[in-house]
Amino acid sequence: MTATATTSTSNITSRTSKPPARANRSAGRRRRSTIIVTGLLVVVALYFLIPVYWVLVASTKSTADLFSTNGFWFAETISLGDNLARVLSYDNGIFGRWFLNSAIYAGVGALLATYFAAAGGYALAKYEFKGRNLVFGTILGGVLVPGTATALPLFLLFSQMGLANTYWSVLLPSLVSPFGLFLCRIYAQATVDTSLIEAARIDGAGELRIFHTIGLKVLTPALVTVFLFQLVGIWNNYFLPLVMLSDSELYPITLGLNNWLSQVDRLPEFYELTTGGVLLSIIPLSIAMIVLQRFWRGGLTEGAVK
């Protein structure tokens, strides 16, 4: 019995002595991986934040200070208030008109595009009909087509319809979001329960009522994600307005600021107007990102796992 106890004790000791070595190696690998991932995230964060910081610093300087001082630090004289006042008052407040145009293009376009993407994605996910996969594949192919490739054909089409150089020429193409439809379909398949829809039908609810009262409510995280992506995309859109618009009164912020930037060789004070305008232009997107961030994360991940 003594020999057996000794053998058992040695076996237990040998079994318990090995895992710590493996655990330590595993812990070391996890720590090393964490450091590498954190370092990469820091680099990526700096890549995106440094330009914003530069814009913030540059918008506080006069044209002379902009070229005579360190680009990443403030000048002795802070001219932020004067620069922003000039931005808002130049050419009878044309910047305010550009800001309003961008708000119309991005706000209305993103809202309607989100609704249409939700309706299309919900229909493709919950209704069985012939050619459903073909329709979905065709729409999904739109993700692979860059916007620059369709700008010229759209201009020729809108010119024939008399819509070129109008709000509609920028707004109508913004109502289509192939990525949004794809995301809404995947999310609807994962979250909208078919039995819930059938129960609503038994209660006498129509298809539109089911979609608006059940479908949209369940799809809310995905809808916020689509809205945010579409809002940012339309707000930053430059090439389509450049092709479609010739009247400066219809310009969005992106096109207006580029118009100011093109005049800096002739009038150096446009540097102050451009940097101040850029600072004002990123404020709405920053607010939208902060407010909708939690919905954005949820919308990207919740529909991925059924």
C-alpha atoms as a PDB file:
ATOM      1  CA  MET A   1       0.000   0.000   0.000  1.00  0.00           C
ATOM      2  CA  THR A   2       2.886   2.302   0.750  1.00  0.00           C
ATOM      3  CA  ALA A   3       4.407   1.665  -2.687  1.00  0.00           C
ATOM      4  CA  THR A   4       1.048   2.198  -4.342  1.00  0.00           C
ATOM      5  CA  ALA A   5       0.498   5.453  -2.461  1.00  0.00           C
ATOM      6  CA  THR A   6       3.995   6.603  -3.372  1.00  0.00           C
ATOM      7  CA  THR A   7       3.389   5.767  -7.043  1.00  0.00           C
ATOM      8  CA  SER A   8       0.031   7.576  -7.027  1.00  0.00           C
ATOM      9  CA  THR A   9       1.601  10.583  -5.334  1.00  0.00           C
ATOM     10  CA  SER A  10       4.383  10.712  -7.920  1.00  0.00           C
ATOM     11  CA  ASN A  11       1.844  10.408 -10.779  1.00  0.00           C
ATOM     12  CA  ILE A  12      -0.253  13.218  -9.360  1.00  0.00           C
ATOM     13  CA  THR A  13       2.851  15.348  -8.871  1.00  0.00           C
ATOM     14  CA  SER A  14       4.022  14.704 -12.432  1.00  0.00           C
ATOM     15  CA  ARG A  15       0.597  15.482 -13.847  1.00  0.00           C
ATOM     16  CA  THR A  16       0.261  18.689 -11.868  1.00  0.00           C
ATOM     17  CA  SER A  17       3.791  19.866 -12.624  1.00  0.00           C
ATOM     18  CA  LYS A  18       3.408  19.941 -16.440  1.00  0.00           C
ATOM     19  CA  PRO A  19       0.445  22.303 -17.038  1.00  0.00           C
ATOM     20  CA  PRO A  20       2.066  25.382 -15.465  1.00  0.00           C
ATOM     21  CA  ALA A  21       4.838  25.261 -18.071  1.00  0.00           C
ATOM     22  CA  ARG A  22       2.292  25.069 -20.891  1.00  0.00           C
ATOM     23  CA  ALA A  23       0.160  27.746 -19.228  1.00  0.00           C
ATOM     24  CA  ASN A  24       3.134  30.047 -18.913  1.00  0.00           C
ATOM     25  CA  ARG A  25       4.053  29.634 -22.579  1.00  0.00           C
ATOM     26  CA  SER A  26       0.427  30.225 -23.538  1.00  0.00           C
ATOM     27  CA  ALA A  27       0.265  33.292 -21.302  1.00  0.00           C
ATOM     28  CA  GLY A  28       3.415  34.611 -22.918  1.00  0.00           C
ATOM     29  CA  ARG A  29       1.969  34.160 -26.388  1.00  0.00           C
ATOM     30  CA  ARG A  30      -1.250  35.871 -25.385  1.00  0.00           C
ATOM     31  CA  ARG A  31       0.647  38.777 -23.895  1.00  0.00           C
ATOM     32  CA  ARG A  32       2.813  39.088 -26.989  1.00  0.00           C
ATOM     33  CA  SER A  33      -0.243  38.974 -29.252  1.00  0.00           C
ATOM     34  CA  THR A  34      -1.981  41.591 -27.123  1.00  0.00           C
ATOM     35  CA  ILE A  35       1.001  43.920 -27.384  1.00  0.00           C
ATOM     36  CA  ILE A  36       1.201  43.492 -31.161  1.00  0.00           C
ATOM     37  CA  VAL A  37      -2.533  44.030 -31.685  1.00  0.00           C
ATOM     38  CA  THR A  38      -2.543  47.056 -29.371  1.00  0.00           C
ATOM     39  CA  GLY A  39       0.429  48.520 -31.196  1.00  0.00           C
ATOM     40  CA  LEU A  40      -1.272  48.092 -34.574  1.00  0.00           C
ATOM     41  CA  LEU A  41      -4.460  49.692 -33.259  1.00  0.00           C
ATOM     42  CA  VAL A  42      -2.469  52.642 -31.938  1.00  0.00           C
ATOM     43  CA  VAL A  43      -0.821  53.106 -35.341  1.00  0.00           C
ATOM     44  CA  VAL A  44      -4.189  52.946 -37.117  1.00  0.00           C
ATOM     45  CA  ALA A  45      -5.722  55.386 -34.603  1.00  0.00           C
ATOM     46  CA  LEU A  46      -2.857  57.829 -35.152  1.00  0.00           C
ATOM     47  CA  TYR A  47      -3.263  57.489 -38.907  1.00  0.00           C
ATOM     48  CA  PHE A  48      -6.858  58.702 -38.642  1.00  0.00           C
ATOM     49  CA  LEU A  49      -6.508  61.184 -35.782  1.00  0.00           C
ATOM     50  CA  ILE A  50      -3.361  63.068 -36.849  1.00  0.00           C
ATOM     51  CA  PRO A  51      -5.049  64.716 -39.886  1.00  0.00           C
ATOM     52  CA  VAL A  52      -7.946  65.794 -37.664  1.00  0.00           C
ATOM     53  CA  TYR A  53      -5.505  67.242 -35.156  1.00  0.00           C
ATOM     54  CA  TRP A  54      -3.668  69.076 -37.941  1.00  0.00           C
ATOM     55  CA  VAL A  55      -6.933  70.590 -39.205  1.00  0.00           C
ATOM     56  CA  LEU A  56      -7.767  71.730 -35.662  1.00  0.00           C
ATOM     57  CA  VAL A  57      -4.357  73.384 -35.278  1.00  0.00           C
ATOM     58  CA  ALA A  58      -4.311  74.885 -38.780  1.00  0.00           C
ATOM     59  CA  SER A  59      -7.754  76.424 -38.368  1.00  0.00           C
ATOM     60  CA  THR A  60      -6.445  78.536 -35.464  1.00  0.00           C
ATOM     61  CA  LYS A  61      -3.690  80.189 -37.537  1.00  0.00           C
ATOM     62  CA  SER A  62      -3.480  83.052 -39.967  1.00  0.00           C
ATOM     63  CA  THR A  63      -2.015  82.457 -43.409  1.00  0.00           C
ATOM     64  CA  ALA A  64       1.386  83.820 -42.296  1.00  0.00           C
ATOM     65  CA  ASP A  65       1.451  81.610 -39.189  1.00  0.00           C
ATOM     66  CA  LEU A  66       0.330  78.604 -41.202  1.00  0.00           C
ATOM     67  CA  PHE A  67       3.622  78.620 -43.144  1.00  0.00           C
ATOM     68  CA  SER A  68       5.991  80.078 -40.558  1.00  0.00           C
ATOM     69  CA  THR A  69       5.179  77.940 -37.501  1.00  0.00           C
ATOM     70  CA  ASN A  70       5.219  74.257 -36.633  1.00  0.00           C
ATOM     71  CA  GLY A  71       2.330  72.580 -38.415  1.00  0.00           C
ATOM     72  CA  PHE A  72       1.491  70.410 -35.403  1.00  0.00           C
ATOM     73  CA  TRP A  73       1.475  73.130 -32.770  1.00  0.00           C
ATOM     74  CA  PHE A  74      -0.450  76.321 -32.168  1.00  0.00           C
ATOM     75  CA  ALA A  75       0.868  79.778 -33.014  1.00  0.00           C
ATOM     76  CA  GLU A  76       1.256  82.529 -30.434  1.00  0.00           C
ATOM     77  CA  THR A  77      -1.865  84.242 -31.753  1.00  0.00           C
ATOM     78  CA  ILE A  78      -5.028  82.135 -31.899  1.00  0.00           C
ATOM     79  CA  SER A  79      -7.181  83.267 -34.821  1.00  0.00           C
ATOM     80  CA  LEU A  80      -9.858  80.565 -34.681  1.00  0.00           C
ATOM     81  CA  GLY A  81     -12.745  82.938 -34.031  1.00  0.00           C
ATOM     82  CA  ASP A  82     -11.719  85.341 -36.806  1.00  0.00           C
ATOM     83  CA  ASN A  83     -11.196  82.502 -39.273  1.00  0.00           C
ATOM     84  CA  LEU A  84     -14.597  80.947 -38.594  1.00  0.00           C
ATOM     85  CA  ALA A  85     -16.285  84.337 -38.809  1.00  0.00           C
ATOM     86  CA  ARG A  86     -14.714  84.904 -42.231  1.00  0.00           C
ATOM     87  CA  VAL A  87     -15.786  81.444 -43.358  1.00  0.00           C
ATOM     88  CA  LEU A  88     -19.407  82.086 -42.415  1.00  0.00           C
ATOM     89  CA  SER A  89     -19.533  85.614 -43.832  1.00  0.00           C
ATOM     90  CA  TYR A  90     -17.558  85.261 -47.068  1.00  0.00           C
ATOM     91  CA  ASP A  91     -19.526  85.827 -50.280  1.00  0.00           C
ATOM     92  CA  ASN A  92     -22.771  86.575 -48.431  1.00  0.00           C
ATOM     93  CA  GLY A  93     -22.537  83.414 -46.355  1.00  0.00           C
ATOM     94  CA  ILE A  94     -22.139  80.958 -49.228  1.00  0.00           C
ATOM     95  CA  PHE A  95     -20.608  78.404 -46.852  1.00  0.00           C
ATOM     96  CA  GLY A  96     -23.878  78.238 -44.926  1.00  0.00           C
ATOM     97  CA  ARG A  97     -25.654  77.423 -48.190  1.00  0.00           C
ATOM     98  CA  TRP A  98     -23.122  74.668 -48.932  1.00  0.00           C
ATOM     99  CA  PHE A  99     -23.574  73.296 -45.426  1.00  0.00           C
ATOM    100  CA  LEU A 100     -27.365  73.229 -45.875  1.00  0.00           C
ATOM    101  CA  ASN A 101     -27.004  71.521 -49.257  1.00  0.00           C
ATOM    102  CA  SER A 102     -24.791  68.816 -47.743  1.00  0.00           C
ATOM    103  CA  ALA A 103     -27.297  68.347 -44.921  1.00  0.00           C
ATOM    104  CA  ILE A 104     -30.100  67.881 -47.483  1.00  0.00           C
ATOM    105  CA  TYR A 105     -28.117  65.526 -49.701  1.00  0.00           C
ATOM    106  CA  ALA A 106     -26.738  63.451 -46.823  1.00  0.00           C
ATOM    107  CA  GLY A 107     -29.689  63.590 -44.423  1.00  0.00           C
ATOM    108  CA  VAL A 108     -32.545  62.956 -46.856  1.00  0.00           C
ATOM    109  CA  GLY A 109     -30.474  60.628 -49.023  1.00  0.00           C
ATOM    110  CA  ALA A 110     -29.260  58.507 -46.108  1.00  0.00           C
ATOM    111  CA  LEU A 111     -32.727  58.308 -44.541  1.00  0.00           C
ATOM    112  CA  LEU A 112     -34.499  57.208 -47.735  1.00  0.00           C
ATOM    113  CA  ALA A 113     -31.659  54.894 -48.767  1.00  0.00           C
ATOM    114  CA  THR A 114     -31.864  53.194 -45.378  1.00  0.00           C
ATOM    115  CA  TYR A 115     -35.613  52.713 -45.714  1.00  0.00           C
ATOM    116  CA  PHE A 116     -35.342  51.273 -49.222  1.00  0.00           C
ATOM    117  CA  ALA A 117     -32.475  48.988 -48.167  1.00  0.00           C
ATOM    118  CA  ALA A 118     -34.546  47.754 -45.214  1.00  0.00           C
ATOM    119  CA  ALA A 119     -37.579  47.089 -47.413  1.00  0.00           C
ATOM    120  CA  GLY A 120     -35.553  45.266 -50.057  1.00  0.00           C
ATOM    121  CA  GLY A 121     -33.503  43.268 -47.579  1.00  0.00           C
ATOM    122  CA  TYR A 122     -36.585  42.272 -45.586  1.00  0.00           C
ATOM    123  CA  ALA A 123     -38.422  41.149 -48.744  1.00  0.00           C
ATOM    124  CA  LEU A 124     -35.474  39.102 -50.020  1.00  0.00           C
ATOM    125  CA  ALA A 125     -35.031  37.470 -46.617  1.00  0.00           C
ATOM    126  CA  LYS A 126     -38.616  36.611 -45.677  1.00  0.00           C
ATOM    127  CA  TYR A 127     -40.474  36.109 -48.973  1.00  0.00           C
ATOM    128  CA  GLU A 128     -40.066  33.120 -51.292  1.00  0.00           C
ATOM    129  CA  PHE A 129     -40.366  33.926 -54.999  1.00  0.00           C
ATOM    130  CA  LYS A 130     -38.783  32.897 -58.266  1.00  0.00           C
ATOM    131  CA  GLY A 131     -35.488  34.529 -59.091  1.00  0.00           C
ATOM    132  CA  ARG A 132     -34.919  35.766 -55.540  1.00  0.00           C
ATOM    133  CA  ASN A 133     -31.267  34.746 -55.482  1.00  0.00           C
ATOM    134  CA  LEU A 134     -30.732  36.186 -58.959  1.00  0.00           C
ATOM    135  CA  VAL A 135     -32.169  39.528 -57.861  1.00  0.00           C
ATOM    136  CA  PHE A 136     -30.023  39.530 -54.756  1.00  0.00           C
ATOM    137  CA  GLY A 137     -26.891  38.628 -56.716  1.00  0.00           C
ATOM    138  CA  THR A 138     -27.553  41.367 -59.257  1.00  0.00           C
ATOM    139  CA  ILE A 139     -28.028  43.979 -56.550  1.00  0.00           C
ATOM    140  CA  LEU A 140     -24.993  42.728 -54.662  1.00  0.00           C
ATOM    141  CA  GLY A 141     -22.965  43.174 -57.846  1.00  0.00           C
ATOM    142  CA  GLY A 142     -23.567  46.889 -57.422  1.00  0.00           C
ATOM    143  CA  VAL A 143     -21.155  46.835 -54.480  1.00  0.00           C
ATOM    144  CA  LEU A 144     -18.359  45.997 -56.923  1.00  0.00           C
ATOM    145  CA  VAL A 145     -19.136  48.934 -59.232  1.00  0.00           C
ATOM    146  CA  PRO A 146     -17.331  52.145 -58.177  1.00  0.00           C
ATOM    147  CA  GLY A 147     -19.344  55.337 -58.111  1.00  0.00           C
ATOM    148  CA  THR A 148     -16.947  57.035 -60.513  1.00  0.00           C
ATOM    149  CA  ALA A 149     -17.837  54.475 -63.202  1.00  0.00           C
ATOM    150  CA  THR A 150     -21.535  55.380 -63.090  1.00  0.00           C
ATOM    151  CA  ALA A 151     -21.186  59.172 -62.751  1.00  0.00           C
ATOM    152  CA  LEU A 152     -20.865  59.938 -66.477  1.00  0.00           C
ATOM    153  CA  PRO A 153     -23.746  57.657 -67.592  1.00  0.00           C
ATOM    154  CA  LEU A 154     -25.905  59.192 -64.885  1.00  0.00           C
ATOM    155  CA  PHE A 155     -25.007  62.689 -66.065  1.00  0.00           C
ATOM    156  CA  LEU A 156     -25.992  61.852 -69.656  1.00  0.00           C
ATOM    157  CA  LEU A 157     -29.240  60.295 -68.445  1.00  0.00           C
ATOM    158  CA  PHE A 158     -30.148  63.212 -66.170  1.00  0.00           C
ATOM    159  CA  SER A 159     -29.226  65.695 -68.889  1.00  0.00           C
ATOM    160  CA  GLN A 160     -31.766  64.088 -71.227  1.00  0.00           C
ATOM    161  CA  MET A 161     -34.358  64.185 -68.441  1.00  0.00           C
ATOM    162  CA  GLY A 162     -33.603  67.819 -67.610  1.00  0.00           C
ATOM    163  CA  LEU A 163     -32.445  66.989 -64.070  1.00  0.00           C
ATOM    164  CA  ALA A 164     -28.766  67.889 -64.417  1.00  0.00           C
ATOM    165  CA  ASN A 165     -27.595  70.793 -62.249  1.00  0.00           C
ATOM    166  CA  THR A 166     -30.476  70.290 -59.808  1.00  0.00           C
ATOM    167  CA  TYR A 167     -30.798  68.844 -56.318  1.00  0.00           C
ATOM    168  CA  TRP A 168     -32.280  65.687 -57.832  1.00  0.00           C
ATOM    169  CA  SER A 169     -29.117  64.906 -59.817  1.00  0.00           C
ATOM    170  CA  VAL A 170     -27.191  64.376 -56.564  1.00  0.00           C
ATOM    171  CA  LEU A 171     -30.041  63.152 -54.379  1.00  0.00           C
ATOM    172  CA  LEU A 172     -31.505  60.391 -56.575  1.00  0.00           C
ATOM    173  CA  PRO A 173     -28.275  58.352 -56.986  1.00  0.00           C
ATOM    174  CA  SER A 174     -27.820  58.546 -53.210  1.00  0.00           C
ATOM    175  CA  LEU A 175     -31.037  56.616 -52.599  1.00  0.00           C
ATOM    176  CA  VAL A 176     -29.453  53.314 -53.660  1.00  0.00           C
ATOM    177  CA  SER A 177     -27.283  51.375 -51.200  1.00  0.00           C
ATOM    178  CA  PRO A 178     -26.362  47.843 -52.367  1.00  0.00           C
ATOM    179  CA  PHE A 179     -24.277  47.291 -49.238  1.00  0.00           C
ATOM    180  CA  GLY A 180     -27.191  48.421 -47.081  1.00  0.00           C
ATOM    181  CA  LEU A 181     -29.546  45.975 -48.786  1.00  0.00           C
ATOM    182  CA  PHE A 182     -27.020  43.168 -48.318  1.00  0.00           C
ATOM    183  CA  LEU A 183     -26.631  43.952 -44.616  1.00  0.00           C
ATOM    184  CA  CYS A 184     -30.394  44.241 -44.066  1.00  0.00           C
ATOM    185  CA  ARG A 185     -31.031  40.905 -45.776  1.00  0.00           C
ATOM    186  CA  ILE A 186     -28.420  39.101 -43.677  1.00  0.00           C
ATOM    187  CA  TYR A 187     -29.693  40.747 -40.504  1.00  0.00           C
ATOM    188  CA  ALA A 188     -33.351  40.001 -41.304  1.00  0.00           C
ATOM    189  CA  GLN A 189     -32.569  36.336 -41.922  1.00  0.00           C
ATOM    190  CA  ALA A 190     -30.882  36.104 -38.534  1.00  0.00           C
ATOM    191  CA  THR A 191     -33.215  38.154 -36.339  1.00  0.00           C
ATOM    192  CA  VAL A 192     -36.732  38.435 -37.809  1.00  0.00           C
ATOM    193  CA  ASP A 193     -38.584  35.306 -36.688  1.00  0.00           C
ATOM    194  CA  THR A 194     -40.876  33.833 -39.354  1.00  0.00           C
ATOM    195  CA  SER A 195     -43.290  32.583 -36.673  1.00  0.00           C
ATOM    196  CA  LEU A 196     -43.718  36.158 -35.466  1.00  0.00           C
ATOM    197  CA  ILE A 197     -44.660  37.256 -38.982  1.00  0.00           C
ATOM    198  CA  GLU A 198     -47.121  34.369 -39.317  1.00  0.00           C
ATOM    199  CA  ALA A 199     -48.701  35.252 -35.978  1.00  0.00           C
ATOM    200  CA  ALA A 200     -49.194  38.826 -37.177  1.00  0.00           C
ATOM    201  CA  ARG A 201     -50.814  37.551 -40.371  1.00  0.00           C
ATOM    202  CA  ILE A 202     -53.207  35.379 -38.346  1.00  0.00           C
ATOM    203  CA  ASP A 203     -54.165  38.488 -36.364  1.00  0.00           C
ATOM    204  CA  GLY A 204     -55.133  40.155 -39.642  1.00  0.00           C
ATOM    205  CA  ALA A 205     -52.158  42.490 -40.116  1.00  0.00           C
ATOM    206  CA  GLY A 206     -51.193  43.367 -43.703  1.00  0.00           C
ATOM    207  CA  GLU A 207     -47.700  42.927 -45.085  1.00  0.00           C
ATOM    208  CA  LEU A 208     -46.864  46.636 -44.964  1.00  0.00           C
ATOM    209  CA  ARG A 209     -48.057  46.898 -41.386  1.00  0.00           C
ATOM    210  CA  ILE A 210     -45.987  43.854 -40.398  1.00  0.00           C
ATOM    211  CA  PHE A 211     -42.924  45.375 -42.017  1.00  0.00           C
ATOM    212  CA  HIS A 212     -43.361  48.769 -40.353  1.00  0.00           C
ATOM    213  CA  THR A 213     -44.330  47.533 -36.889  1.00  0.00           C
ATOM    214  CA  ILE A 214     -42.215  44.391 -36.594  1.00  0.00           C
ATOM    215  CA  GLY A 215     -39.579  44.350 -39.322  1.00  0.00           C
ATOM    216  CA  LEU A 216     -38.268  47.891 -38.876  1.00  0.00           C
ATOM    217  CA  LYS A 217     -38.233  47.569 -35.093  1.00  0.00           C
ATOM    218  CA  VAL A 218     -36.202  44.359 -35.167  1.00  0.00           C
ATOM    219  CA  LEU A 219     -33.880  45.725 -37.860  1.00  0.00           C
ATOM    220  CA  THR A 220     -33.095  48.929 -35.935  1.00  0.00           C
ATOM    221  CA  PRO A 221     -29.384  48.197 -35.224  1.00  0.00           C
ATOM    222  CA  ALA A 222     -28.757  47.304 -38.866  1.00  0.00           C
ATOM    223  CA  LEU A 223     -30.693  50.368 -40.027  1.00  0.00           C
ATOM    224  CA  VAL A 224     -28.566  52.668 -37.896  1.00  0.00           C
ATOM    225  CA  THR A 225     -25.454  51.076 -39.370  1.00  0.00           C
ATOM    226  CA  VAL A 226     -26.695  51.548 -42.938  1.00  0.00           C
ATOM    227  CA  PHE A 227     -27.742  55.127 -42.168  1.00  0.00           C
ATOM    228  CA  LEU A 228     -24.327  55.985 -40.739  1.00  0.00           C
ATOM    229  CA  PHE A 229     -22.432  54.505 -43.677  1.00  0.00           C
ATOM    230  CA  GLN A 230     -24.685  56.229 -46.189  1.00  0.00           C
ATOM    231  CA  LEU A 231     -24.537  59.540 -44.312  1.00  0.00           C
ATOM    232  CA  VAL A 232     -20.738  59.565 -44.302  1.00  0.00           C
ATOM    233  CA  GLY A 233     -20.538  58.442 -47.922  1.00  0.00           C
ATOM    234  CA  ILE A 234     -22.903  61.129 -49.220  1.00  0.00           C
ATOM    235  CA  TRP A 235     -21.426  63.871 -47.028  1.00  0.00           C
ATOM    236  CA  ASN A 236     -17.923  63.140 -48.346  1.00  0.00           C
ATOM    237  CA  ASN A 237     -19.044  62.576 -51.933  1.00  0.00           C
ATOM    238  CA  TYR A 238     -17.108  64.789 -54.320  1.00  0.00           C
ATOM    239  CA  PHE A 239     -17.002  63.299 -57.811  1.00  0.00           C
ATOM    240  CA  LEU A 240     -20.754  62.990 -58.412  1.00  0.00           C
ATOM    241  CA  PRO A 241     -21.539  66.641 -57.490  1.00  0.00           C
ATOM    242  CA  LEU A 242     -18.522  67.713 -59.564  1.00  0.00           C
ATOM    243  CA  VAL A 243     -19.997  66.018 -62.631  1.00  0.00           C
ATOM    244  CA  MET A 244     -23.630  66.966 -62.022  1.00  0.00           C
ATOM    245  CA  LEU A 245     -23.510  70.543 -60.726  1.00  0.00           C
ATOM    246  CA  SER A 246     -22.379  73.804 -62.289  1.00  0.00           C
ATOM    247  CA  ASP A 247     -24.274  76.257 -60.063  1.00  0.00           C
ATOM    248  CA  SER A 248     -22.267  77.144 -56.934  1.00  0.00           C
ATOM    249  CA  GLU A 249     -25.532  77.652 -55.052  1.00  0.00           C
ATOM    250  CA  LEU A 250     -26.125  73.891 -55.285  1.00  0.00           C
ATOM    251  CA  TYR A 251     -22.622  72.826 -54.240  1.00  0.00           C
ATOM    252  CA  PRO A 252     -22.145  70.572 -51.197  1.00  0.00           C
ATOM    253  CA  ILE A 253     -19.357  71.361 -48.755  1.00  0.00           C
ATOM    254  CA  THR A 254     -16.815  69.106 -50.460  1.00  0.00           C
ATOM    255  CA  LEU A 255     -17.152  70.832 -53.816  1.00  0.00           C
ATOM    256  CA  GLY A 256     -17.290  74.303 -52.280  1.00  0.00           C
ATOM    257  CA  LEU A 257     -14.136  73.815 -50.226  1.00  0.00           C
ATOM    258  CA  ASN A 258     -12.293  72.489 -53.274  1.00  0.00           C
ATOM    259  CA  ASN A 259     -13.407  75.614 -55.139  1.00  0.00           C
ATOM    260  CA  TRP A 260     -11.851  77.753 -52.399  1.00  0.00           C
ATOM    261  CA  LEU A 261      -8.694  75.666 -52.374  1.00  0.00           C
ATOM    262  CA  SER A 262      -8.230  76.169 -56.116  1.00  0.00           C
ATOM    263  CA  GLN A 263      -7.940  79.930 -55.527  1.00  0.00           C
ATOM    264  CA  VAL A 264      -5.143  79.925 -52.918  1.00  0.00           C
ATOM    265  CA  ASP A 265      -2.475  80.677 -55.530  1.00  0.00           C
ATOM    266  CA  ARG A 266      -4.266  83.897 -56.444  1.00  0.00           C
ATOM    267  CA  LEU A 267      -5.533  84.846 -52.978  1.00  0.00           C
ATOM    268  CA  PRO A 268      -3.546  83.315 -50.070  1.00  0.00           C
ATOM    269  CA  GLU A 269      -6.282  84.215 -47.566  1.00  0.00           C
ATOM    270  CA  PHE A 270      -8.281  81.318 -48.953  1.00  0.00           C
ATOM    271  CA  TYR A 271      -6.014  79.077 -46.878  1.00  0.00           C
ATOM    272  CA  GLU A 272      -7.726  80.410 -43.763  1.00  0.00           C
ATOM    273  CA  LEU A 273     -11.167  79.951 -45.313  1.00  0.00           C
ATOM    274  CA  THR A 274     -10.389  76.405 -46.417  1.00  0.00           C
ATOM    275  CA  THR A 275      -8.958  75.186 -43.111  1.00  0.00           C
ATOM    276  CA  GLY A 276     -11.781  76.808 -41.146  1.00  0.00           C
ATOM    277  CA  GLY A 277     -14.366  75.327 -43.494  1.00  0.00           C
ATOM    278  CA  VAL A 278     -12.849  71.857 -43.190  1.00  0.00           C
ATOM    279  CA  LEU A 279     -13.041  72.097 -39.392  1.00  0.00           C
ATOM    280  CA  LEU A 280     -16.736  73.012 -39.552  1.00  0.00           C
ATOM    281  CA  SER A 281     -17.445  70.269 -42.086  1.00  0.00           C
ATOM    282  CA  ILE A 282     -16.200  67.432 -39.859  1.00  0.00           C
ATOM    283  CA  ILE A 283     -18.253  68.446 -36.827  1.00  0.00           C
ATOM    284  CA  PRO A 284     -21.582  66.863 -37.990  1.00  0.00           C
ATOM    285  CA  LEU A 285     -19.885  63.575 -38.878  1.00  0.00           C
ATOM    286  CA  SER A 286     -18.088  63.482 -35.535  1.00  0.00           C
ATOM    287  CA  ILE A 287     -21.352  64.040 -33.674  1.00  0.00           C
ATOM    288  CA  ALA A 288     -23.133  61.359 -35.718  1.00  0.00           C
ATOM    289  CA  MET A 289     -20.327  58.875 -35.124  1.00  0.00           C
ATOM    290  CA  ILE A 290     -20.316  59.475 -31.359  1.00  0.00           C
ATOM    291  CA  VAL A 291     -24.109  59.322 -31.008  1.00  0.00           C
ATOM    292  CA  LEU A 292     -24.619  56.262 -33.231  1.00  0.00           C
ATOM    293  CA  GLN A 293     -21.448  54.371 -32.297  1.00  0.00           C
ATOM    294  CA  ARG A 294     -23.082  51.779 -30.051  1.00  0.00           C
ATOM    295  CA  PHE A 295     -25.747  51.006 -32.663  1.00  0.00           C
ATOM    296  CA  TRP A 296     -23.049  50.822 -35.338  1.00  0.00           C
ATOM    297  CA  ARG A 297     -21.078  48.153 -33.483  1.00  0.00           C
ATOM    298  CA  GLY A 298     -24.218  46.178 -32.724  1.00  0.00           C
ATOM    299  CA  GLY A 299     -25.474  46.345 -36.291  1.00  0.00           C
ATOM    300  CA  LEU A 300     -22.208  44.977 -37.696  1.00  0.00           C
ATOM    301  CA  THR A 301     -22.027  41.970 -35.338  1.00  0.00           C
ATOM    302  CA  GLU A 302     -25.509  40.936 -34.226  1.00  0.00           C
ATOM    303  CA  GLY A 303     -26.678  39.871 -37.674  1.00  0.00           C
ATOM    304  CA  ALA A 304     -23.540  37.847 -38.332  1.00  0.00           C
ATOM    305  CA  VAL A 305     -24.433  34.946 -36.028  1.00  0.00           C
ATOM    306  CA  LYS A 306     -27.772  33.193 -36.109  1.00  0.00           C
END
